[in-house]
N, C-alpha and C. Protein backbone atom coordinates (compact mmCIF):
# COMPACT_ATOMS: atom_id res chain seq x y z
N LYS A 1 -7.77 -22.71 -11.13
CA LYS A 1 -7.82 -21.31 -10.73
C LYS A 1 -6.45 -20.84 -10.26
N ASN A 2 -6.19 -19.59 -10.48
CA ASN A 2 -4.97 -18.94 -10.05
C ASN A 2 -5.34 -17.94 -8.96
N ILE A 3 -4.89 -18.19 -7.74
CA ILE A 3 -5.27 -17.38 -6.59
C ILE A 3 -4.09 -16.52 -6.14
N LEU A 4 -4.37 -15.26 -5.87
CA LEU A 4 -3.38 -14.33 -5.34
C LEU A 4 -3.62 -14.16 -3.84
N VAL A 5 -2.57 -14.30 -3.05
CA VAL A 5 -2.64 -14.06 -1.61
C VAL A 5 -1.81 -12.80 -1.35
N THR A 6 -2.44 -11.81 -0.74
CA THR A 6 -1.77 -10.53 -0.54
C THR A 6 -2.17 -9.88 0.77
N SER A 7 -1.43 -8.86 1.18
CA SER A 7 -1.71 -8.14 2.41
C SER A 7 -1.21 -6.72 2.31
N SER A 8 -1.91 -5.81 2.95
CA SER A 8 -1.42 -4.43 3.01
C SER A 8 -0.46 -4.24 4.18
N ALA A 9 -0.41 -5.21 5.09
CA ALA A 9 0.51 -5.15 6.24
C ALA A 9 1.78 -5.94 5.91
N ASP A 10 2.90 -5.43 6.35
CA ASP A 10 4.18 -6.08 6.07
C ASP A 10 4.84 -6.44 7.40
N THR A 11 4.40 -7.57 7.99
CA THR A 11 4.97 -8.01 9.25
C THR A 11 5.37 -9.48 9.12
N GLU A 12 6.19 -9.94 10.03
CA GLU A 12 6.59 -11.35 10.03
C GLU A 12 5.39 -12.26 10.23
N ASP A 13 4.48 -11.86 11.13
CA ASP A 13 3.27 -12.67 11.37
C ASP A 13 2.47 -12.84 10.09
N ILE A 14 2.30 -11.77 9.36
CA ILE A 14 1.54 -11.83 8.11
C ILE A 14 2.26 -12.73 7.11
N ALA A 15 3.56 -12.60 6.99
CA ALA A 15 4.33 -13.42 6.05
C ALA A 15 4.16 -14.91 6.38
N LEU A 16 4.19 -15.26 7.66
CA LEU A 16 4.03 -16.67 8.06
C LEU A 16 2.63 -17.18 7.72
N ILE A 17 1.62 -16.36 7.96
CA ILE A 17 0.26 -16.78 7.68
C ILE A 17 0.04 -16.89 6.17
N MET A 18 0.60 -15.97 5.41
CA MET A 18 0.49 -16.06 3.95
C MET A 18 1.15 -17.34 3.45
N ASP A 19 2.28 -17.72 4.04
CA ASP A 19 2.94 -18.98 3.68
C ASP A 19 2.03 -20.17 3.96
N LYS A 20 1.36 -20.15 5.12
CA LYS A 20 0.46 -21.26 5.49
C LYS A 20 -0.74 -21.33 4.55
N VAL A 21 -1.31 -20.18 4.20
CA VAL A 21 -2.44 -20.16 3.28
C VAL A 21 -2.00 -20.71 1.92
N GLN A 22 -0.83 -20.27 1.46
CA GLN A 22 -0.31 -20.77 0.19
C GLN A 22 -0.11 -22.28 0.23
N GLN A 23 0.48 -22.77 1.31
CA GLN A 23 0.75 -24.21 1.44
C GLN A 23 -0.55 -25.01 1.42
N LYS A 24 -1.55 -24.59 2.19
CA LYS A 24 -2.81 -25.33 2.26
C LYS A 24 -3.54 -25.33 0.92
N LEU A 25 -3.58 -24.19 0.26
CA LEU A 25 -4.25 -24.13 -1.04
C LEU A 25 -3.51 -24.95 -2.09
N THR A 26 -2.19 -24.93 -2.04
CA THR A 26 -1.39 -25.73 -2.97
C THR A 26 -1.65 -27.22 -2.76
N GLU A 27 -1.78 -27.64 -1.48
CA GLU A 27 -2.10 -29.04 -1.17
C GLU A 27 -3.44 -29.44 -1.77
N LEU A 28 -4.34 -28.47 -1.94
CA LEU A 28 -5.65 -28.74 -2.51
C LEU A 28 -5.63 -28.66 -4.04
N GLY A 29 -4.46 -28.43 -4.59
CA GLY A 29 -4.32 -28.38 -6.05
C GLY A 29 -4.61 -27.03 -6.67
N VAL A 30 -4.59 -25.98 -5.85
CA VAL A 30 -4.85 -24.63 -6.34
C VAL A 30 -3.53 -23.93 -6.61
N ALA A 31 -3.42 -23.27 -7.75
CA ALA A 31 -2.23 -22.48 -8.08
C ALA A 31 -2.29 -21.18 -7.28
N VAL A 32 -1.25 -20.92 -6.49
CA VAL A 32 -1.25 -19.76 -5.59
C VAL A 32 0.02 -18.94 -5.80
N VAL A 33 -0.16 -17.63 -5.84
CA VAL A 33 0.95 -16.69 -5.92
C VAL A 33 0.80 -15.72 -4.76
N LYS A 34 1.91 -15.46 -4.05
CA LYS A 34 1.90 -14.45 -2.98
C LYS A 34 2.40 -13.14 -3.56
N SER A 35 1.90 -12.04 -3.01
CA SER A 35 2.27 -10.74 -3.53
C SER A 35 2.39 -9.72 -2.41
N ASP A 36 3.21 -8.71 -2.68
CA ASP A 36 3.20 -7.53 -1.82
C ASP A 36 1.83 -6.88 -1.96
N SER A 37 1.60 -5.88 -1.21
CA SER A 37 0.31 -5.19 -1.25
C SER A 37 0.01 -4.69 -2.66
N ILE A 38 -1.18 -5.00 -3.14
CA ILE A 38 -1.58 -4.48 -4.44
C ILE A 38 -1.90 -2.99 -4.34
N ALA A 39 -2.06 -2.49 -3.12
CA ALA A 39 -2.33 -1.07 -2.90
C ALA A 39 -1.06 -0.23 -2.96
N SER A 40 0.10 -0.89 -3.02
CA SER A 40 1.38 -0.19 -2.99
C SER A 40 1.78 0.40 -4.34
N ASP A 41 0.97 0.16 -5.37
CA ASP A 41 1.26 0.61 -6.73
C ASP A 41 2.48 -0.09 -7.33
N SER A 42 2.83 -1.24 -6.78
CA SER A 42 3.90 -2.06 -7.35
C SER A 42 3.42 -2.61 -8.68
N ILE A 43 4.20 -2.40 -9.72
CA ILE A 43 3.83 -2.90 -11.05
C ILE A 43 3.71 -4.42 -11.02
N GLU A 44 4.64 -5.08 -10.35
CA GLU A 44 4.61 -6.54 -10.27
C GLU A 44 3.34 -7.04 -9.57
N ALA A 45 2.98 -6.39 -8.47
CA ALA A 45 1.78 -6.80 -7.72
C ALA A 45 0.53 -6.59 -8.57
N LEU A 46 0.45 -5.48 -9.30
CA LEU A 46 -0.72 -5.22 -10.14
C LEU A 46 -0.79 -6.20 -11.30
N GLU A 47 0.36 -6.59 -11.86
CA GLU A 47 0.37 -7.60 -12.93
C GLU A 47 -0.12 -8.94 -12.39
N GLN A 48 0.30 -9.29 -11.17
CA GLN A 48 -0.16 -10.54 -10.57
C GLN A 48 -1.67 -10.49 -10.32
N LEU A 49 -2.18 -9.33 -9.92
CA LEU A 49 -3.62 -9.18 -9.71
C LEU A 49 -4.37 -9.41 -11.02
N GLN A 50 -3.88 -8.83 -12.10
CA GLN A 50 -4.56 -8.97 -13.39
C GLN A 50 -4.61 -10.42 -13.86
N LYS A 51 -3.62 -11.23 -13.50
CA LYS A 51 -3.55 -12.63 -13.90
C LYS A 51 -4.38 -13.54 -13.00
N ALA A 52 -4.78 -13.03 -11.84
CA ALA A 52 -5.46 -13.86 -10.84
C ALA A 52 -6.94 -14.05 -11.16
N ASP A 53 -7.44 -15.23 -10.78
CA ASP A 53 -8.87 -15.50 -10.86
C ASP A 53 -9.58 -15.07 -9.59
N GLY A 54 -8.83 -14.99 -8.50
CA GLY A 54 -9.38 -14.61 -7.21
C GLY A 54 -8.29 -14.17 -6.26
N VAL A 55 -8.69 -13.46 -5.21
CA VAL A 55 -7.74 -12.92 -4.23
C VAL A 55 -8.18 -13.29 -2.82
N VAL A 56 -7.19 -13.65 -1.99
CA VAL A 56 -7.39 -13.83 -0.56
C VAL A 56 -6.54 -12.77 0.13
N PHE A 57 -7.17 -11.96 0.97
CA PHE A 57 -6.45 -10.93 1.71
C PHE A 57 -6.11 -11.44 3.10
N VAL A 58 -4.88 -11.17 3.55
CA VAL A 58 -4.45 -11.49 4.90
C VAL A 58 -4.12 -10.15 5.56
N GLU A 59 -4.89 -9.77 6.55
CA GLU A 59 -4.72 -8.46 7.18
C GLU A 59 -4.58 -8.60 8.69
N GLN A 60 -3.86 -7.66 9.30
CA GLN A 60 -3.61 -7.71 10.73
C GLN A 60 -4.21 -6.48 11.40
N LEU A 61 -4.99 -6.73 12.46
CA LEU A 61 -5.58 -5.63 13.22
C LEU A 61 -4.49 -4.67 13.70
N MET A 62 -4.76 -3.40 13.55
CA MET A 62 -3.89 -2.33 14.00
C MET A 62 -2.60 -2.21 13.16
N LYS A 63 -2.43 -3.03 12.14
CA LYS A 63 -1.25 -2.95 11.27
C LYS A 63 -1.66 -2.63 9.84
N SER A 64 -2.79 -3.18 9.42
CA SER A 64 -3.29 -2.95 8.07
C SER A 64 -4.04 -1.63 8.03
N SER A 65 -3.79 -0.87 7.00
CA SER A 65 -4.41 0.44 6.84
C SER A 65 -5.79 0.30 6.20
N ARG A 66 -6.78 0.96 6.78
CA ARG A 66 -8.13 0.94 6.19
C ARG A 66 -8.10 1.49 4.77
N GLU A 67 -7.33 2.54 4.57
CA GLU A 67 -7.22 3.14 3.24
C GLU A 67 -6.64 2.15 2.24
N ASP A 68 -5.61 1.40 2.64
CA ASP A 68 -5.03 0.40 1.75
C ASP A 68 -6.01 -0.73 1.46
N ILE A 69 -6.76 -1.16 2.46
CA ILE A 69 -7.75 -2.22 2.26
C ILE A 69 -8.84 -1.73 1.29
N ARG A 70 -9.27 -0.50 1.45
CA ARG A 70 -10.26 0.08 0.54
C ARG A 70 -9.71 0.12 -0.88
N LYS A 71 -8.46 0.53 -1.03
CA LYS A 71 -7.82 0.59 -2.34
C LYS A 71 -7.71 -0.81 -2.96
N GLU A 72 -7.37 -1.81 -2.13
CA GLU A 72 -7.27 -3.19 -2.62
C GLU A 72 -8.60 -3.67 -3.17
N THR A 73 -9.68 -3.40 -2.45
CA THR A 73 -10.99 -3.86 -2.92
C THR A 73 -11.41 -3.11 -4.18
N GLU A 74 -11.07 -1.83 -4.28
CA GLU A 74 -11.37 -1.07 -5.50
C GLU A 74 -10.60 -1.63 -6.70
N LEU A 75 -9.34 -2.00 -6.48
CA LEU A 75 -8.53 -2.57 -7.57
C LEU A 75 -9.11 -3.90 -8.04
N CYS A 76 -9.57 -4.71 -7.10
CA CYS A 76 -10.19 -5.99 -7.48
C CYS A 76 -11.43 -5.74 -8.34
N SER A 77 -12.22 -4.76 -7.96
CA SER A 77 -13.41 -4.43 -8.75
C SER A 77 -13.02 -3.91 -10.13
N ARG A 78 -12.03 -3.04 -10.17
CA ARG A 78 -11.60 -2.46 -11.44
C ARG A 78 -11.10 -3.53 -12.41
N TYR A 79 -10.33 -4.49 -11.90
CA TYR A 79 -9.77 -5.54 -12.75
C TYR A 79 -10.68 -6.77 -12.82
N GLN A 80 -11.84 -6.70 -12.21
CA GLN A 80 -12.83 -7.77 -12.21
C GLN A 80 -12.25 -9.09 -11.70
N VAL A 81 -11.54 -8.99 -10.57
CA VAL A 81 -10.97 -10.16 -9.91
C VAL A 81 -11.80 -10.42 -8.66
N GLU A 82 -12.26 -11.65 -8.53
CA GLU A 82 -13.13 -12.02 -7.42
C GLU A 82 -12.38 -12.02 -6.08
N MET A 83 -12.97 -11.38 -5.09
CA MET A 83 -12.41 -11.40 -3.74
C MET A 83 -12.98 -12.64 -3.05
N LEU A 84 -12.11 -13.61 -2.77
CA LEU A 84 -12.54 -14.90 -2.24
C LEU A 84 -12.71 -14.89 -0.73
N GLY A 85 -11.93 -14.05 -0.04
CA GLY A 85 -12.05 -14.01 1.40
C GLY A 85 -10.93 -13.24 2.05
N ASN A 86 -11.04 -13.16 3.37
CA ASN A 86 -10.06 -12.46 4.19
C ASN A 86 -9.63 -13.34 5.35
N VAL A 87 -8.38 -13.21 5.69
CA VAL A 87 -7.87 -13.81 6.93
C VAL A 87 -7.50 -12.63 7.81
N ALA A 88 -8.19 -12.49 8.93
CA ALA A 88 -7.93 -11.38 9.85
C ALA A 88 -7.13 -11.91 11.03
N VAL A 89 -6.00 -11.28 11.28
CA VAL A 89 -5.08 -11.70 12.33
C VAL A 89 -5.14 -10.67 13.45
N GLY A 90 -5.20 -11.14 14.70
CA GLY A 90 -5.25 -10.24 15.84
C GLY A 90 -3.94 -9.50 16.03
N GLU A 91 -3.94 -8.61 17.00
CA GLU A 91 -2.74 -7.86 17.31
C GLU A 91 -1.67 -8.79 17.86
N GLU A 92 -0.42 -8.29 17.78
CA GLU A 92 0.71 -9.09 18.30
C GLU A 92 0.64 -9.17 19.80
């Protein structure tokens, strides 16, 4: 499986957690790609979403936008990419 790890929040805390998620999944033999927010309309991020078998979202309370999270889930549905789970991070 090819897993995409992404977040609508762009903070150092989120980047560190995304690195840890990537490392752990890679240790389990899972192919993992990290991406900027798929809600940002980045062509690269959307291409990575289309190639993914599943997505893990890493979001931070009070930093991640509800609108962006809604858009991310809609994009997963549109491209028929399975949402595998969420990592919710508390406030700083």
